[in-house]
Amino acid sequence: MKKLITSIAFVLSFVNLFAQPVLHGDSLHTGLSFNLYVITNVNASGFAPGGPNASWDISAGVANLVGTAEFQAMASTPFAAQYPAANFAVKFVIGGVTDY
């Protein structure tokens, strides 16, 4: 009996390792803000195709801050009336230009 219960517990704990998170509209919180960067001085022609055991060396690259992204309530944007069913919007400010 102990072996059966231990085996079931082991299998159930192993299954949880592969569980995928589920995102709902209420999972994203307004007020979060992130910096946006662009990486320069990287030779993209030398990249091997992606996949298992692929590694890309971008250590020579230089990251430059180009703007921000902010999650906002849709009602606080100028497009709220055009998208009445939207829960939130992402406000991008890049080089002084604002876009949603």
PDB file of N, CA and C in Angstrom:
ATOM      1  N   MET A   1       0.816  -1.195   0.000  1.00  0.00           N
ATOM      2  CA  MET A   1       0.000   0.000   0.000  1.00  0.00           C
ATOM      3  C   MET A   1       0.862   1.262   0.000  1.00  0.00           C
ATOM      4  N   LYS A   2       1.950   1.234   0.811  1.00  0.00           N
ATOM      5  CA  LYS A   2       2.837   2.390   0.849  1.00  0.00           C
ATOM      6  C   LYS A   2       3.474   2.633  -0.519  1.00  0.00           C
ATOM      7  N   LYS A   3       3.834   1.546  -1.208  1.00  0.00           N
ATOM      8  CA  LYS A   3       4.447   1.698  -2.525  1.00  0.00           C
ATOM      9  C   LYS A   3       3.471   2.343  -3.504  1.00  0.00           C
ATOM     10  N   LEU A   4       2.214   1.957  -3.453  1.00  0.00           N
ATOM     11  CA  LEU A   4       1.208   2.499  -4.346  1.00  0.00           C
ATOM     12  C   LEU A   4       1.010   3.995  -4.097  1.00  0.00           C
ATOM     13  N   ILE A   5       0.883   4.378  -2.855  1.00  0.00           N
ATOM     14  CA  ILE A   5       0.678   5.786  -2.515  1.00  0.00           C
ATOM     15  C   ILE A   5       1.920   6.598  -2.879  1.00  0.00           C
ATOM     16  N   THR A   6       3.092   6.058  -2.609  1.00  0.00           N
ATOM     17  CA  THR A   6       4.332   6.752  -2.957  1.00  0.00           C
ATOM     18  C   THR A   6       4.452   6.902  -4.470  1.00  0.00           C
ATOM     19  N   SER A   7       4.105   5.879  -5.207  1.00  0.00           N
ATOM     20  CA  SER A   7       4.173   5.935  -6.674  1.00  0.00           C
ATOM     21  C   SER A   7       3.210   6.975  -7.225  1.00  0.00           C
ATOM     22  N   ILE A   8       2.008   7.001  -6.698  1.00  0.00           N
ATOM     23  CA  ILE A   8       1.019   7.983  -7.157  1.00  0.00           C
ATOM     24  C   ILE A   8       1.494   9.397  -6.830  1.00  0.00           C
ATOM     25  N   ALA A   9       2.018   9.610  -5.639  1.00  0.00           N
ATOM     26  CA  ALA A   9       2.515  10.935  -5.254  1.00  0.00           C
ATOM     27  C   ALA A   9       3.673  11.353  -6.153  1.00  0.00           C
ATOM     28  N   PHE A  10       4.553  10.417  -6.477  1.00  0.00           N
ATOM     29  CA  PHE A  10       5.685  10.728  -7.351  1.00  0.00           C
ATOM     30  C   PHE A  10       5.203  11.122  -8.735  1.00  0.00           C
ATOM     31  N   VAL A  11       4.267  10.378  -9.285  1.00  0.00           N
ATOM     32  CA  VAL A  11       3.754  10.678 -10.627  1.00  0.00           C
ATOM     33  C   VAL A  11       3.057  12.027 -10.636  1.00  0.00           C
ATOM     34  N   LEU A  12       2.247  12.301  -9.643  1.00  0.00           N
ATOM     35  CA  LEU A  12       1.547  13.585  -9.593  1.00  0.00           C
ATOM     36  C   LEU A  12       2.518  14.749  -9.433  1.00  0.00           C
ATOM     37  N   SER A  13       3.566  14.585  -8.648  1.00  0.00           N
ATOM     38  CA  SER A  13       4.537  15.676  -8.508  1.00  0.00           C
ATOM     39  C   SER A  13       5.331  15.858  -9.795  1.00  0.00           C
ATOM     40  N   PHE A  14       5.575  14.794 -10.525  1.00  0.00           N
ATOM     41  CA  PHE A  14       6.299  14.874 -11.792  1.00  0.00           C
ATOM     42  C   PHE A  14       5.449  15.578 -12.847  1.00  0.00           C
ATOM     43  N   VAL A  15       4.149  15.333 -12.855  1.00  0.00           N
ATOM     44  CA  VAL A  15       3.246  15.970 -13.820  1.00  0.00           C
ATOM     45  C   VAL A  15       3.228  17.477 -13.605  1.00  0.00           C
ATOM     46  N   ASN A  16       3.318  17.931 -12.372  1.00  0.00           N
ATOM     47  CA  ASN A  16       3.307  19.366 -12.081  1.00  0.00           C
ATOM     48  C   ASN A  16       4.511  20.095 -12.666  1.00  0.00           C
ATOM     49  N   LEU A  17       5.604  19.388 -12.908  1.00  0.00           N
ATOM     50  CA  LEU A  17       6.778  20.030 -13.491  1.00  0.00           C
ATOM     51  C   LEU A  17       6.512  20.534 -14.902  1.00  0.00           C
ATOM     52  N   PHE A  18       5.577  19.920 -15.597  1.00  0.00           N
ATOM     53  CA  PHE A  18       5.293  20.276 -16.979  1.00  0.00           C
ATOM     54  C   PHE A  18       4.020  21.093 -17.139  1.00  0.00           C
ATOM     55  N   ALA A  19       3.438  21.529 -16.050  1.00  0.00           N
ATOM     56  CA  ALA A  19       2.210  22.314 -16.119  1.00  0.00           C
ATOM     57  C   ALA A  19       2.502  23.690 -16.708  1.00  0.00           C
ATOM     58  N   GLN A  20       1.629  24.166 -17.549  1.00  0.00           N
ATOM     59  CA  GLN A  20       1.771  25.475 -18.166  1.00  0.00           C
ATOM     60  C   GLN A  20       0.876  26.477 -17.439  1.00  0.00           C
ATOM     61  N   PRO A  21       1.381  27.691 -17.207  1.00  0.00           N
ATOM     62  CA  PRO A  21       0.522  28.686 -16.573  1.00  0.00           C
ATOM     63  C   PRO A  21      -0.572  29.141 -17.538  1.00  0.00           C
ATOM     64  N   VAL A  22      -1.699  29.493 -17.000  1.00  0.00           N
ATOM     65  CA  VAL A  22      -2.810  29.982 -17.801  1.00  0.00           C
ATOM     66  C   VAL A  22      -2.992  31.457 -17.473  1.00  0.00           C
ATOM     67  N   LEU A  23      -2.925  32.301 -18.502  1.00  0.00           N
ATOM     68  CA  LEU A  23      -3.105  33.731 -18.291  1.00  0.00           C
ATOM     69  C   LEU A  23      -4.538  34.128 -18.600  1.00  0.00           C
ATOM     70  N   HIS A  24      -5.125  34.876 -17.714  1.00  0.00           N
ATOM     71  CA  HIS A  24      -6.458  35.426 -17.899  1.00  0.00           C
ATOM     72  C   HIS A  24      -6.334  36.941 -17.930  1.00  0.00           C
ATOM     73  N   GLY A  25      -7.378  37.611 -18.334  1.00  0.00           N
ATOM     74  CA  GLY A  25      -7.350  39.066 -18.383  1.00  0.00           C
ATOM     75  C   GLY A  25      -7.035  39.697 -17.049  1.00  0.00           C
ATOM     76  N   ASP A  26      -7.438  39.057 -15.956  1.00  0.00           N
ATOM     77  CA  ASP A  26      -7.174  39.630 -14.643  1.00  0.00           C
ATOM     78  C   ASP A  26      -5.783  39.265 -14.115  1.00  0.00           C
ATOM     79  N   SER A  27      -5.007  38.498 -14.888  1.00  0.00           N
ATOM     80  CA  SER A  27      -3.652  38.139 -14.474  1.00  0.00           C
ATOM     81  C   SER A  27      -2.660  39.262 -14.745  1.00  0.00           C
ATOM     82  N   LEU A  28      -2.993  40.139 -15.670  1.00  0.00           N
ATOM     83  CA  LEU A  28      -2.102  41.235 -16.016  1.00  0.00           C
ATOM     84  C   LEU A  28      -2.507  42.470 -15.223  1.00  0.00           C
ATOM     85  N   HIS A  29      -1.545  43.064 -14.576  1.00  0.00           N
ATOM     86  CA  HIS A  29      -1.833  44.179 -13.684  1.00  0.00           C
ATOM     87  C   HIS A  29      -1.417  45.502 -14.317  1.00  0.00           C
ATOM     88  N   THR A  30      -2.293  46.476 -14.251  1.00  0.00           N
ATOM     89  CA  THR A  30      -1.950  47.803 -14.756  1.00  0.00           C
ATOM     90  C   THR A  30      -0.987  48.468 -13.786  1.00  0.00           C
ATOM     91  N   GLY A  31      -0.238  49.416 -14.299  1.00  0.00           N
ATOM     92  CA  GLY A  31       0.738  50.120 -13.485  1.00  0.00           C
ATOM     93  C   GLY A  31       2.144  49.561 -13.608  1.00  0.00           C
ATOM     94  N   LEU A  32       2.301  48.382 -14.249  1.00  0.00           N
ATOM     95  CA  LEU A  32       3.640  47.829 -14.455  1.00  0.00           C
ATOM     96  C   LEU A  32       4.324  48.572 -15.593  1.00  0.00           C
ATOM     97  N   SER A  33       5.591  48.864 -15.435  1.00  0.00           N
ATOM     98  CA  SER A  33       6.338  49.595 -16.444  1.00  0.00           C
ATOM     99  C   SER A  33       7.680  48.904 -16.673  1.00  0.00           C
ATOM    100  N   PHE A  34       8.118  48.871 -17.931  1.00  0.00           N
ATOM    101  CA  PHE A  34       9.365  48.204 -18.296  1.00  0.00           C
ATOM    102  C   PHE A  34      10.182  49.090 -19.218  1.00  0.00           C
ATOM    103  N   ASN A  35      11.495  48.981 -19.119  1.00  0.00           N
ATOM    104  CA  ASN A  35      12.386  49.672 -20.038  1.00  0.00           C
ATOM    105  C   ASN A  35      12.555  48.830 -21.301  1.00  0.00           C
ATOM    106  N   LEU A  36      12.664  49.491 -22.449  1.00  0.00           N
ATOM    107  CA  LEU A  36      12.871  48.812 -23.726  1.00  0.00           C
ATOM    108  C   LEU A  36      14.274  49.133 -24.228  1.00  0.00           C
ATOM    109  N   TYR A  37      15.003  48.110 -24.624  1.00  0.00           N
ATOM    110  CA  TYR A  37      16.371  48.270 -25.100  1.00  0.00           C
ATOM    111  C   TYR A  37      16.492  47.744 -26.521  1.00  0.00           C
ATOM    112  N   VAL A  38      17.453  48.283 -27.257  1.00  0.00           N
ATOM    113  CA  VAL A  38      17.835  47.754 -28.561  1.00  0.00           C
ATOM    114  C   VAL A  38      19.316  47.383 -28.446  1.00  0.00           C
ATOM    115  N   ILE A  39      19.673  46.228 -29.012  1.00  0.00           N
ATOM    116  CA  ILE A  39      21.059  45.774 -28.966  1.00  0.00           C
ATOM    117  C   ILE A  39      21.694  46.039 -30.321  1.00  0.00           C
ATOM    118  N   THR A  40      22.806  46.764 -30.326  1.00  0.00           N
ATOM    119  CA  THR A  40      23.517  47.084 -31.565  1.00  0.00           C
ATOM    120  C   THR A  40      24.882  46.395 -31.560  1.00  0.00           C
ATOM    121  N   ASN A  41      25.572  46.476 -32.675  1.00  0.00           N
ATOM    122  CA  ASN A  41      26.900  45.875 -32.861  1.00  0.00           C
ATOM    123  C   ASN A  41      26.869  44.353 -32.776  1.00  0.00           C
ATOM    124  N   VAL A  42      25.802  43.745 -33.268  1.00  0.00           N
ATOM    125  CA  VAL A  42      25.695  42.298 -33.299  1.00  0.00           C
ATOM    126  C   VAL A  42      25.557  41.871 -34.749  1.00  0.00           C
ATOM    127  N   ASN A  43      26.375  40.929 -35.181  1.00  0.00           N
ATOM    128  CA  ASN A  43      26.320  40.422 -36.544  1.00  0.00           C
ATOM    129  C   ASN A  43      25.297  39.288 -36.604  1.00  0.00           C
ATOM    130  N   ALA A  44      24.088  39.594 -37.023  1.00  0.00           N
ATOM    131  CA  ALA A  44      23.008  38.606 -37.039  1.00  0.00           C
ATOM    132  C   ALA A  44      23.207  37.544 -38.114  1.00  0.00           C
ATOM    133  N   SER A  45      24.044  37.791 -39.101  1.00  0.00           N
ATOM    134  CA  SER A  45      24.232  36.789 -40.158  1.00  0.00           C
ATOM    135  C   SER A  45      24.985  35.567 -39.653  1.00  0.00           C
ATOM    136  N   GLY A  46      25.659  35.689 -38.512  1.00  0.00           N
ATOM    137  CA  GLY A  46      26.397  34.558 -37.963  1.00  0.00           C
ATOM    138  C   GLY A  46      25.574  33.674 -37.049  1.00  0.00           C
ATOM    139  N   PHE A  47      24.291  33.992 -36.871  1.00  0.00           N
ATOM    140  CA  PHE A  47      23.459  33.193 -35.972  1.00  0.00           C
ATOM    141  C   PHE A  47      23.098  31.859 -36.624  1.00  0.00           C
ATOM    142  N   ALA A  48      23.294  30.809 -35.898  1.00  0.00           N
ATOM    143  CA  ALA A  48      22.840  29.488 -36.348  1.00  0.00           C
ATOM    144  C   ALA A  48      21.339  29.404 -36.098  1.00  0.00           C
ATOM    145  N   PRO A  49      20.648  28.525 -36.790  1.00  0.00           N
ATOM    146  CA  PRO A  49      19.219  28.354 -36.498  1.00  0.00           C
ATOM    147  C   PRO A  49      19.012  27.990 -35.031  1.00  0.00           C
ATOM    148  N   GLY A  50      17.890  28.422 -34.483  1.00  0.00           N
ATOM    149  CA  GLY A  50      17.579  28.118 -33.097  1.00  0.00           C
ATOM    150  C   GLY A  50      17.245  26.655 -32.916  1.00  0.00           C
ATOM    151  N   GLY A  51      17.160  26.220 -31.702  1.00  0.00           N
ATOM    152  CA  GLY A  51      16.812  24.843 -31.396  1.00  0.00           C
ATOM    153  C   GLY A  51      17.668  24.322 -30.263  1.00  0.00           C
ATOM    154  N   PRO A  52      17.594  23.020 -30.031  1.00  0.00           N
ATOM    155  CA  PRO A  52      18.385  22.434 -28.941  1.00  0.00           C
ATOM    156  C   PRO A  52      19.881  22.630 -29.172  1.00  0.00           C
ATOM    157  N   ASN A  53      20.596  22.916 -28.127  1.00  0.00           N
ATOM    158  CA  ASN A  53      22.055  23.054 -28.130  1.00  0.00           C
ATOM    159  C   ASN A  53      22.565  24.184 -29.018  1.00  0.00           C
ATOM    160  N   ALA A  54      21.737  25.137 -29.379  1.00  0.00           N
ATOM    161  CA  ALA A  54      22.181  26.302 -30.141  1.00  0.00           C
ATOM    162  C   ALA A  54      22.537  27.407 -29.154  1.00  0.00           C
ATOM    163  N   SER A  55      23.682  28.025 -29.347  1.00  0.00           N
ATOM    164  CA  SER A  55      24.052  29.156 -28.500  1.00  0.00           C
ATOM    165  C   SER A  55      24.535  30.291 -29.393  1.00  0.00           C
ATOM    166  N   TRP A  56      24.106  31.477 -29.069  1.00  0.00           N
ATOM    167  CA  TRP A  56      24.459  32.663 -29.832  1.00  0.00           C
ATOM    168  C   TRP A  56      25.300  33.563 -28.941  1.00  0.00           C
ATOM    169  N   ASP A  57      26.385  34.065 -29.476  1.00  0.00           N
ATOM    170  CA  ASP A  57      27.262  34.955 -28.724  1.00  0.00           C
ATOM    171  C   ASP A  57      26.953  36.403 -29.110  1.00  0.00           C
ATOM    172  N   ILE A  58      26.282  37.106 -28.219  1.00  0.00           N
ATOM    173  CA  ILE A  58      25.987  38.524 -28.462  1.00  0.00           C
ATOM    174  C   ILE A  58      26.725  39.395 -27.448  1.00  0.00           C
ATOM    175  N   SER A  59      27.831  38.865 -26.933  1.00  0.00           N
ATOM    176  CA  SER A  59      28.574  39.587 -25.902  1.00  0.00           C
ATOM    177  C   SER A  59      29.178  40.894 -26.427  1.00  0.00           C
ATOM    178  N   ALA A  60      29.384  41.014 -27.750  1.00  0.00           N
ATOM    179  CA  ALA A  60      29.927  42.254 -28.309  1.00  0.00           C
ATOM    180  C   ALA A  60      28.850  43.320 -28.468  1.00  0.00           C
ATOM    181  N   GLY A  61      27.599  42.927 -28.275  1.00  0.00           N
ATOM    182  CA  GLY A  61      26.492  43.861 -28.449  1.00  0.00           C
ATOM    183  C   GLY A  61      26.436  44.917 -27.368  1.00  0.00           C
ATOM    184  N   VAL A  62      25.874  46.049 -27.725  1.00  0.00           N
ATOM    185  CA  VAL A  62      25.703  47.165 -26.791  1.00  0.00           C
ATOM    186  C   VAL A  62      24.205  47.428 -26.651  1.00  0.00           C
ATOM    187  N   ALA A  63      23.705  47.388 -25.423  1.00  0.00           N
ATOM    188  CA  ALA A  63      22.288  47.635 -25.159  1.00  0.00           C
ATOM    189  C   ALA A  63      22.064  49.120 -24.915  1.00  0.00           C
ATOM    190  N   ASN A  64      21.156  49.694 -25.681  1.00  0.00           N
ATOM    191  CA  ASN A  64      20.817  51.110 -25.540  1.00  0.00           C
ATOM    192  C   ASN A  64      19.345  51.248 -25.170  1.00  0.00           C
ATOM    193  N   LEU A  65      19.079  52.040 -24.143  1.00  0.00           N
ATOM    194  CA  LEU A  65      17.707  52.300 -23.719  1.00  0.00           C
ATOM    195  C   LEU A  65      17.014  53.145 -24.788  1.00  0.00           C
ATOM    196  N   VAL A  66      15.865  52.660 -25.294  1.00  0.00           N
ATOM    197  CA  VAL A  66      15.154  53.402 -26.338  1.00  0.00           C
ATOM    198  C   VAL A  66      13.781  53.887 -25.890  1.00  0.00           C
ATOM    199  N   GLY A  67      13.252  53.345 -24.808  1.00  0.00           N
ATOM    200  CA  GLY A  67      11.933  53.788 -24.376  1.00  0.00           C
ATOM    201  C   GLY A  67      11.389  52.959 -23.238  1.00  0.00           C
ATOM    202  N   THR A  68      10.068  53.077 -23.049  1.00  0.00           N
ATOM    203  CA  THR A  68       9.387  52.344 -21.985  1.00  0.00           C
ATOM    204  C   THR A  68       8.097  51.735 -22.508  1.00  0.00           C
ATOM    205  N   ALA A  69       7.627  50.731 -21.792  1.00  0.00           N
ATOM    206  CA  ALA A  69       6.321  50.122 -22.046  1.00  0.00           C
ATOM    207  C   ALA A  69       5.595  50.060 -20.706  1.00  0.00           C
ATOM    208  N   GLU A  70       4.336  50.452 -20.709  1.00  0.00           N
ATOM    209  CA  GLU A  70       3.569  50.492 -19.460  1.00  0.00           C
ATOM    210  C   GLU A  70       2.182  49.903 -19.679  1.00  0.00           C
ATOM    211  N   PHE A  71       1.784  48.973 -18.793  1.00  0.00           N
ATOM    212  CA  PHE A  71       0.431  48.433 -18.824  1.00  0.00           C
ATOM    213  C   PHE A  71      -0.498  49.444 -18.165  1.00  0.00           C
ATOM    214  N   GLN A  72      -1.578  49.810 -18.863  1.00  0.00           N
ATOM    215  CA  GLN A  72      -2.526  50.793 -18.338  1.00  0.00           C
ATOM    216  C   GLN A  72      -3.947  50.271 -18.473  1.00  0.00           C
ATOM    217  N   ALA A  73      -4.828  50.812 -17.654  1.00  0.00           N
ATOM    218  CA  ALA A  73      -6.251  50.528 -17.816  1.00  0.00           C
ATOM    219  C   ALA A  73      -6.707  51.129 -19.137  1.00  0.00           C
ATOM    220  N   MET A  74      -7.514  50.408 -19.891  1.00  0.00           N
ATOM    221  CA  MET A  74      -7.945  50.883 -21.208  1.00  0.00           C
ATOM    222  C   MET A  74      -8.682  52.222 -21.102  1.00  0.00           C
ATOM    223  N   ALA A  75      -9.387  52.427 -20.013  1.00  0.00           N
ATOM    224  CA  ALA A  75     -10.153  53.670 -19.840  1.00  0.00           C
ATOM    225  C   ALA A  75      -9.248  54.894 -19.768  1.00  0.00           C
ATOM    226  N   SER A  76      -7.970  54.706 -19.449  1.00  0.00           N
ATOM    227  CA  SER A  76      -7.063  55.854 -19.342  1.00  0.00           C
ATOM    228  C   SER A  76      -6.360  56.180 -20.659  1.00  0.00           C
ATOM    229  N   THR A  77      -6.748  55.521 -21.748  1.00  0.00           N
ATOM    230  CA  THR A  77      -6.139  55.789 -23.054  1.00  0.00           C
ATOM    231  C   THR A  77      -7.106  56.574 -23.936  1.00  0.00           C
ATOM    232  N   PRO A  78      -6.611  57.191 -24.996  1.00  0.00           N
ATOM    233  CA  PRO A  78      -7.511  57.911 -25.896  1.00  0.00           C
ATOM    234  C   PRO A  78      -8.325  56.982 -26.800  1.00  0.00           C
ATOM    235  N   PHE A  79      -8.110  55.679 -26.716  1.00  0.00           N
ATOM    236  CA  PHE A  79      -8.788  54.719 -27.587  1.00  0.00           C
ATOM    237  C   PHE A  79      -9.841  53.886 -26.863  1.00  0.00           C
ATOM    238  N   ALA A  80     -10.214  54.270 -25.669  1.00  0.00           N
ATOM    239  CA  ALA A  80     -11.151  53.492 -24.859  1.00  0.00           C
ATOM    240  C   ALA A  80     -12.487  53.291 -25.559  1.00  0.00           C
ATOM    241  N   ALA A  81     -12.993  54.308 -26.239  1.00  0.00           N
ATOM    242  CA  ALA A  81     -14.302  54.197 -26.909  1.00  0.00           C
ATOM    243  C   ALA A  81     -14.236  53.268 -28.121  1.00  0.00           C
ATOM    244  N   GLN A  82     -13.068  53.151 -28.759  1.00  0.00           N
ATOM    245  CA  GLN A  82     -12.933  52.293 -29.938  1.00  0.00           C
ATOM    246  C   GLN A  82     -12.835  50.816 -29.576  1.00  0.00           C
ATOM    247  N   TYR A  83     -12.386  50.520 -28.358  1.00  0.00           N
ATOM    248  CA  TYR A  83     -12.212  49.138 -27.914  1.00  0.00           C
ATOM    249  C   TYR A  83     -12.907  48.943 -26.568  1.00  0.00           C
ATOM    250  N   PRO A  84     -14.244  48.950 -26.539  1.00  0.00           N
ATOM    251  CA  PRO A  84     -14.959  48.904 -25.260  1.00  0.00           C
ATOM    252  C   PRO A  84     -14.797  47.595 -24.492  1.00  0.00           C
ATOM    253  N   ALA A  85     -14.433  46.506 -25.165  1.00  0.00           N
ATOM    254  CA  ALA A  85     -14.298  45.219 -24.478  1.00  0.00           C
ATOM    255  C   ALA A  85     -12.872  44.964 -23.982  1.00  0.00           C
ATOM    256  N   ALA A  86     -11.944  45.881 -24.250  1.00  0.00           N
ATOM    257  CA  ALA A  86     -10.545  45.679 -23.853  1.00  0.00           C
ATOM    258  C   ALA A  86     -10.375  45.861 -22.349  1.00  0.00           C
ATOM    259  N   ASN A  87      -9.525  45.025 -21.759  1.00  0.00           N
ATOM    260  CA  ASN A  87      -9.240  45.101 -20.325  1.00  0.00           C
ATOM    261  C   ASN A  87      -8.123  46.085 -20.020  1.00  0.00           C
ATOM    262  N   PHE A  88      -7.113  46.117 -20.871  1.00  0.00           N
ATOM    263  CA  PHE A  88      -5.953  46.953 -20.624  1.00  0.00           C
ATOM    264  C   PHE A  88      -5.309  47.320 -21.953  1.00  0.00           C
ATOM    265  N   ALA A  89      -4.343  48.220 -21.893  1.00  0.00           N
ATOM    266  CA  ALA A  89      -3.573  48.619 -23.073  1.00  0.00           C
ATOM    267  C   ALA A  89      -2.111  48.709 -22.667  1.00  0.00           C
ATOM    268  N   VAL A  90      -1.244  48.648 -23.657  1.00  0.00           N
ATOM    269  CA  VAL A  90       0.182  48.836 -23.410  1.00  0.00           C
ATOM    270  C   VAL A  90       0.588  50.142 -24.079  1.00  0.00           C
ATOM    271  N   LYS A  91       1.120  51.051 -23.273  1.00  0.00           N
ATOM    272  CA  LYS A  91       1.565  52.353 -23.773  1.00  0.00           C
ATOM    273  C   LYS A  91       3.069  52.279 -24.010  1.00  0.00           C
ATOM    274  N   PHE A  92       3.478  52.511 -25.270  1.00  0.00           N
ATOM    275  CA  PHE A  92       4.887  52.527 -25.628  1.00  0.00           C
ATOM    276  C   PHE A  92       5.316  53.978 -25.817  1.00  0.00           C
ATOM    277  N   VAL A  93       6.418  54.353 -25.188  1.00  0.00           N
ATOM    278  CA  VAL A  93       7.016  55.670 -25.412  1.00  0.00           C
ATOM    279  C   VAL A  93       8.442  55.407 -25.901  1.00  0.00           C
ATOM    280  N   ILE A  94       8.662  55.675 -27.206  1.00  0.00           N
ATOM    281  CA  ILE A  94       9.961  55.414 -27.820  1.00  0.00           C
ATOM    282  C   ILE A  94      10.409  56.683 -28.531  1.00  0.00           C
ATOM    283  N   GLY A  95      11.527  57.215 -28.119  1.00  0.00           N
ATOM    284  CA  GLY A  95      12.043  58.428 -28.742  1.00  0.00           C
ATOM    285  C   GLY A  95      11.099  59.612 -28.655  1.00  0.00           C
ATOM    286  N   GLY A  96      10.365  59.712 -27.564  1.00  0.00           N
ATOM    287  CA  GLY A  96       9.441  60.817 -27.392  1.00  0.00           C
ATOM    288  C   GLY A  96       8.101  60.632 -28.066  1.00  0.00           C
ATOM    289  N   VAL A  97       7.914  59.537 -28.826  1.00  0.00           N
ATOM    290  CA  VAL A  97       6.659  59.263 -29.525  1.00  0.00           C
ATOM    291  C   VAL A  97       5.885  58.241 -28.706  1.00  0.00           C
ATOM    292  N   THR A  98       4.604  58.536 -28.441  1.00  0.00           N
ATOM    293  CA  THR A  98       3.738  57.640 -27.682  1.00  0.00           C
ATOM    294  C   THR A  98       2.840  56.872 -28.626  1.00  0.00           C
ATOM    295  N   ASP A  99       2.729  55.565 -28.397  1.00  0.00           N
ATOM    296  CA  ASP A  99       1.863  54.704 -29.197  1.00  0.00           C
ATOM    297  C   ASP A  99       1.226  53.682 -28.266  1.00  0.00           C
ATOM    298  N   TYR A 100       0.042  53.189 -28.644  1.00  0.00           N
ATOM    299  CA  TYR A 100      -0.672  52.218 -27.819  1.00  0.00           C
ATOM    300  C   TYR A 100      -0.854  50.930 -28.586  1.00  0.00           C
TER     301      TYR A 100
END
